[in-house]
Protein backbone atom coordinates (compact mmCIF):
# COMPACT_ATOMS: atom_id res chain seq x y z
CA UNK A 1 19.18 255.71 89.92
CA UNK A 2 22.05 255.17 92.33
CA UNK A 3 19.68 255.81 95.21
CA UNK A 4 17.32 253.16 93.90
CA UNK A 5 20.10 250.63 93.59
CA UNK A 6 21.23 251.43 97.12
CA UNK A 7 17.69 251.03 98.41
CA UNK A 8 17.30 247.68 96.65
CA UNK A 9 20.59 246.52 98.13
CA UNK A 10 19.52 247.43 101.66
CA UNK A 11 16.11 245.84 101.11
CA UNK A 12 17.75 242.63 99.93
CA UNK A 13 20.06 242.58 102.96
CA UNK A 14 17.11 243.24 105.28
CA UNK A 15 15.08 240.36 103.80
CA UNK A 16 18.08 238.05 104.04
CA UNK A 17 18.47 239.02 107.68
CA UNK A 18 14.79 238.37 108.37
CA UNK A 19 14.97 234.98 106.62
CA UNK A 20 18.10 233.91 108.51
CA UNK A 21 16.62 235.14 111.76
CA UNK A 22 13.46 233.08 111.16
CA UNK A 23 15.55 230.00 110.42
CA UNK A 24 17.70 230.45 113.55
CA UNK A 25 14.64 230.81 115.80
CA UNK A 26 13.31 227.68 117.45
CA UNK A 27 9.51 227.55 117.56
CA UNK A 28 7.77 225.91 120.50
CA UNK A 29 5.19 223.35 119.34
CA UNK A 30 2.81 222.06 122.00
CA UNK A 31 1.77 218.45 121.39
CA UNK A 32 -0.43 215.97 123.22
CA UNK A 33 1.35 213.75 125.72
CA UNK A 34 -0.55 210.68 124.57
CA UNK A 35 0.33 207.32 123.09
CA UNK A 36 -1.51 207.88 119.81
CA UNK A 37 0.67 205.57 117.74
CA UNK A 38 0.99 205.32 114.82
CA UNK A 39 0.08 209.01 114.46
CA UNK A 40 2.13 210.33 117.37
CA UNK A 41 3.48 209.30 120.76
CA UNK A 42 6.16 210.20 123.30
CA UNK A 43 8.85 207.55 123.79
CA UNK A 44 10.45 206.51 127.08
CA UNK A 45 13.11 209.22 126.68
CA UNK A 46 10.49 211.95 126.24
CA UNK A 47 10.97 212.37 122.48
CA UNK A 48 8.06 213.03 120.14
CA UNK A 49 7.69 210.21 117.58
CA UNK A 50 5.33 208.80 114.94
CA UNK A 51 3.86 209.86 111.62
CA UNK A 52 3.22 213.48 112.65
CA UNK A 53 6.77 213.89 113.89
CA UNK A 54 8.10 212.45 110.62
CA UNK A 55 6.12 215.07 108.67
CA UNK A 56 7.47 217.89 110.84
CA UNK A 57 11.02 216.55 110.56
CA UNK A 58 10.68 216.55 106.77
CA UNK A 59 9.39 220.14 106.89
CA UNK A 60 12.36 221.22 109.00
CA UNK A 61 14.75 219.43 106.66
CA UNK A 62 13.23 221.13 103.60
CA UNK A 63 13.01 224.65 105.04
CA UNK A 64 15.59 225.00 107.81
CA UNK A 65 12.88 225.94 110.30
CA UNK A 66 13.43 224.57 113.81
CA UNK A 67 10.70 223.12 116.02
CA UNK A 68 10.93 222.11 119.67
CA UNK A 69 8.15 219.72 120.69
CA UNK A 70 6.64 220.13 124.15
CA UNK A 71 4.39 217.19 125.17
CA UNK A 72 1.69 218.00 127.74
CA UNK A 73 -1.80 216.88 128.85
CA UNK A 74 -4.66 218.07 126.62
CA UNK A 75 -6.20 220.68 128.95
CA UNK A 76 -2.83 222.16 129.85
CA UNK A 77 -1.93 222.23 126.15
CA UNK A 78 -5.03 224.30 125.38
CA UNK A 79 -4.29 226.72 128.22
CA UNK A 80 -0.64 227.20 127.24
CA UNK A 81 -1.72 227.81 123.64
CA UNK A 82 -4.51 230.27 124.47
CA UNK A 83 -2.22 232.11 126.91
CA UNK A 84 0.40 232.53 124.17
CA UNK A 85 3.11 230.46 125.88
CA UNK A 86 3.69 228.25 122.85
CA UNK A 87 3.97 229.17 119.16
CA UNK A 88 1.99 226.27 117.65
CA UNK A 89 -0.45 223.57 118.75
CA UNK A 90 -0.73 220.12 117.21
CA UNK A 91 -3.10 218.47 116.67
CA UNK A 92 -5.90 221.00 116.41
CA UNK A 93 -9.26 221.44 114.69
CA UNK A 94 -11.68 224.32 114.22
CA UNK A 95 -14.31 222.14 115.93
CA UNK A 96 -12.39 221.48 119.16
CA UNK A 97 -12.98 223.39 122.43
CA UNK A 98 -14.74 226.28 120.71
CA UNK A 99 -15.62 227.96 124.02
CA UNK A 100 -12.00 228.13 125.14
CA UNK A 101 -10.96 229.59 121.78
CA UNK A 102 -13.71 232.19 121.63
CA UNK A 103 -12.48 235.69 120.66
CA UNK A 104 -9.04 234.32 119.71
CA UNK A 105 -7.79 234.84 116.16
CA UNK A 106 -6.53 231.31 115.58
CA UNK A 107 -4.93 230.41 112.25
CA UNK A 108 -5.17 226.80 111.08
CA UNK A 109 -3.04 224.99 108.53
CA UNK A 110 -4.40 222.86 105.72
CA UNK A 111 -5.21 219.24 106.58
CA UNK A 112 -2.15 217.42 107.92
CA UNK A 113 -3.74 214.05 108.80
CA UNK A 114 -7.24 212.67 108.16
CA UNK A 115 -8.71 210.73 111.08
CA UNK A 116 -11.88 209.05 112.37
CA UNK A 117 -12.96 209.16 116.03
CA UNK A 118 -15.65 206.66 116.90
CA UNK A 119 -16.95 203.85 119.08
CA UNK A 120 -15.00 200.59 119.46
CA UNK A 121 -16.70 197.58 121.09
CA UNK A 122 -16.20 193.88 121.59
CA UNK A 123 -17.44 191.83 118.64
CA UNK A 124 -20.29 190.26 120.59
CA UNK A 125 -21.78 193.73 121.24
CA UNK A 126 -21.96 194.69 117.57
CA UNK A 127 -25.74 195.21 117.78
CA UNK A 128 -25.79 197.23 121.00
CA UNK A 129 -27.72 200.51 120.58
CA UNK A 130 -26.85 203.89 122.11
CA UNK A 131 -29.74 203.55 124.56
CA UNK A 132 -28.22 200.27 125.81
CA UNK A 133 -24.74 201.68 126.40
CA UNK A 134 -24.07 202.33 130.09
CA UNK A 135 -20.40 203.33 130.14
CA UNK A 136 -18.00 204.78 127.56
CA UNK A 137 -14.28 205.10 128.13
CA UNK A 138 -12.55 208.04 126.51
CA UNK A 139 -9.41 210.16 126.64
CA UNK A 140 -9.51 213.05 129.12
CA UNK A 141 -10.38 216.20 127.19
CA UNK A 142 -12.44 214.54 124.46
CA UNK A 143 -15.91 215.91 123.71
CA UNK A 144 -18.78 213.44 123.25
CA UNK A 145 -21.76 215.76 122.86
CA UNK A 146 -23.54 213.42 120.43
CA UNK A 147 -23.63 210.57 122.95
CA UNK A 148 -24.44 212.81 125.91
CA UNK A 149 -27.42 214.23 124.03
CA UNK A 150 -28.77 210.85 122.88
CA UNK A 151 -28.42 209.05 126.23
CA UNK A 152 -28.40 211.12 129.43
CA UNK A 153 -27.66 208.00 131.51
CA UNK A 154 -24.31 207.16 129.93
CA UNK A 155 -21.37 207.39 132.31
CA UNK A 156 -17.98 208.42 130.95
CA UNK A 157 -14.71 207.02 132.22
CA UNK A 158 -11.82 209.36 131.39
CA UNK A 159 -8.19 208.30 131.18
CA UNK A 160 -4.85 209.45 129.77
CA UNK A 161 -3.93 205.91 128.75
CA UNK A 162 -5.51 204.32 125.68
CA UNK A 163 -4.15 200.84 126.40
CA UNK A 164 -5.83 200.90 129.81
CA UNK A 165 -9.15 201.78 128.19
CA UNK A 166 -8.85 198.86 125.78
CA UNK A 167 -8.01 196.57 128.70
CA UNK A 168 -11.08 197.83 130.60
CA UNK A 169 -13.18 197.14 127.50
CA UNK A 170 -11.74 193.62 127.21
CA UNK A 171 -12.55 192.95 130.88
CA UNK A 172 -16.08 194.38 130.35
CA UNK A 173 -15.63 197.14 132.93
CA UNK A 174 -17.01 199.47 130.25
CA UNK A 175 -19.28 198.90 127.25
CA UNK A 176 -17.39 200.93 124.67
CA UNK A 177 -14.38 203.11 124.02
CA UNK A 178 -14.50 206.31 122.01
CA UNK A 179 -11.30 207.50 120.37
CA UNK A 180 -9.29 207.42 117.15
CA UNK A 181 -10.16 204.23 115.27
CA UNK A 182 -6.73 203.77 113.64
CA UNK A 183 -5.08 204.11 117.05
CA UNK A 184 -7.50 201.56 118.51
CA UNK A 185 -6.66 199.09 115.78
CA UNK A 186 -2.95 199.72 116.33
CA UNK A 187 -3.29 198.86 120.04
CA UNK A 188 -5.48 195.83 119.33
CA UNK A 189 -3.35 194.41 116.53
CA UNK A 190 -0.19 194.63 118.62
CA UNK A 191 -1.61 192.60 121.49
CA UNK A 192 -2.26 188.86 121.12
CA UNK A 193 -4.94 189.03 123.81
CA UNK A 194 -6.96 191.68 121.95
CA UNK A 195 -6.47 190.79 118.30
CA UNK A 196 -9.67 190.18 116.29
CA UNK A 197 -11.90 190.73 119.33
CA UNK A 198 -12.99 194.33 118.71
CA UNK A 199 -14.69 196.28 115.95
CA UNK A 200 -15.38 199.85 114.93
CA UNK A 201 -19.12 200.66 115.16
CA UNK A 202 -19.42 202.78 112.03
CA UNK A 203 -23.21 202.58 112.34
CA UNK A 204 -23.00 204.75 115.49
CA UNK A 205 -22.12 208.47 115.47
CA UNK A 206 -18.48 209.17 114.61
CA UNK A 207 -16.36 212.10 113.53
CA UNK A 208 -14.33 212.23 110.32
CA UNK A 209 -12.03 215.23 110.51
CA UNK A 210 -8.47 216.39 109.98
CA UNK A 211 -5.61 217.18 112.31
CA UNK A 212 -4.18 220.62 111.62
CA UNK A 213 -1.40 222.68 113.16
CA UNK A 214 -2.57 225.99 114.60
CA UNK A 215 -1.06 229.28 115.71
CA UNK A 216 -2.14 232.68 116.95
CA UNK A 217 0.87 234.70 115.81
CA UNK A 218 2.79 232.90 113.03
CA UNK A 219 0.67 233.10 109.89
CA UNK A 220 3.65 233.31 107.50
CA UNK A 221 5.03 230.02 108.78
CA UNK A 222 1.60 228.40 108.42
CA UNK A 223 1.60 229.54 104.78
CA UNK A 224 5.05 227.98 104.32
CA UNK A 225 3.83 224.75 105.91
CA UNK A 226 0.79 224.64 103.61
CA UNK A 227 3.06 224.99 100.58
CA UNK A 228 5.22 222.20 101.96
CA UNK A 229 2.17 219.91 102.25
CA UNK A 230 1.17 220.60 98.64
CA UNK A 231 4.64 220.15 97.20
CA UNK A 232 5.72 217.04 99.10
CA UNK A 233 2.68 214.79 98.90
CA UNK A 234 4.63 211.80 97.52
CA UNK A 235 7.18 211.83 100.36
CA UNK A 236 4.43 212.28 102.95
CA UNK A 237 2.57 209.26 101.54
CA UNK A 238 5.79 207.25 101.87
CA UNK A 239 6.01 208.29 105.54
CA UNK A 240 2.41 207.16 105.94
CA UNK A 241 3.29 203.69 104.63
CA UNK A 242 6.43 203.59 106.79
CA UNK A 243 4.24 204.09 109.89
CA UNK A 244 1.77 201.41 108.81
CA UNK A 245 -1.21 203.75 108.42
CA UNK A 246 -3.76 202.17 106.09
CA UNK A 247 -6.93 204.10 107.04
């Protein structure tokens, strides 16, 4: 009996050590270096901001876990993640860059943010068909298989700057822009020149999906994060309102 008590004591101390060690560790989270406000963006000082950051800050506050956010271009982010140089990737989806992830045991969280990626055009082009589209602007690293398959003649202009794409659309250098619809509306509604001049073409192919956080080696922390999402829905909805997300 004494031996059992001693064993239980050591087991308890070991678990406490493991828990404290996990809390003291800082996990490296690779994020996209894009202005995707209101969901996420990197400010002029290099700090990660927006709705996603607010969710992660709340998670850290609730659990004591520490995250360090590392903004980088999309392709580099994938490479660093696949090579094991970062602990987590956000955002991520099972449907993204499947070839690069082949043979990798990637673990995904539950849905963190729901989003729609689709075509945005000027109002006067609301009846333009896919066969009539000549150029689509998009963020470097995005996949547009649906449009490539339906119109082999479409040219794609890639950029790392969403505001520049909207400006090109306004100046009619391109026919359409394909990216996150809520982000498009955020850019448009915060610019007097653009306001009320663009629309989301929901009659054309679009993607409704969810941003998740992914990892290759930290399943336990993903489980903890999933529990956090389930148990803090009310506070997360308040953060959503704070960031002006209505879609």
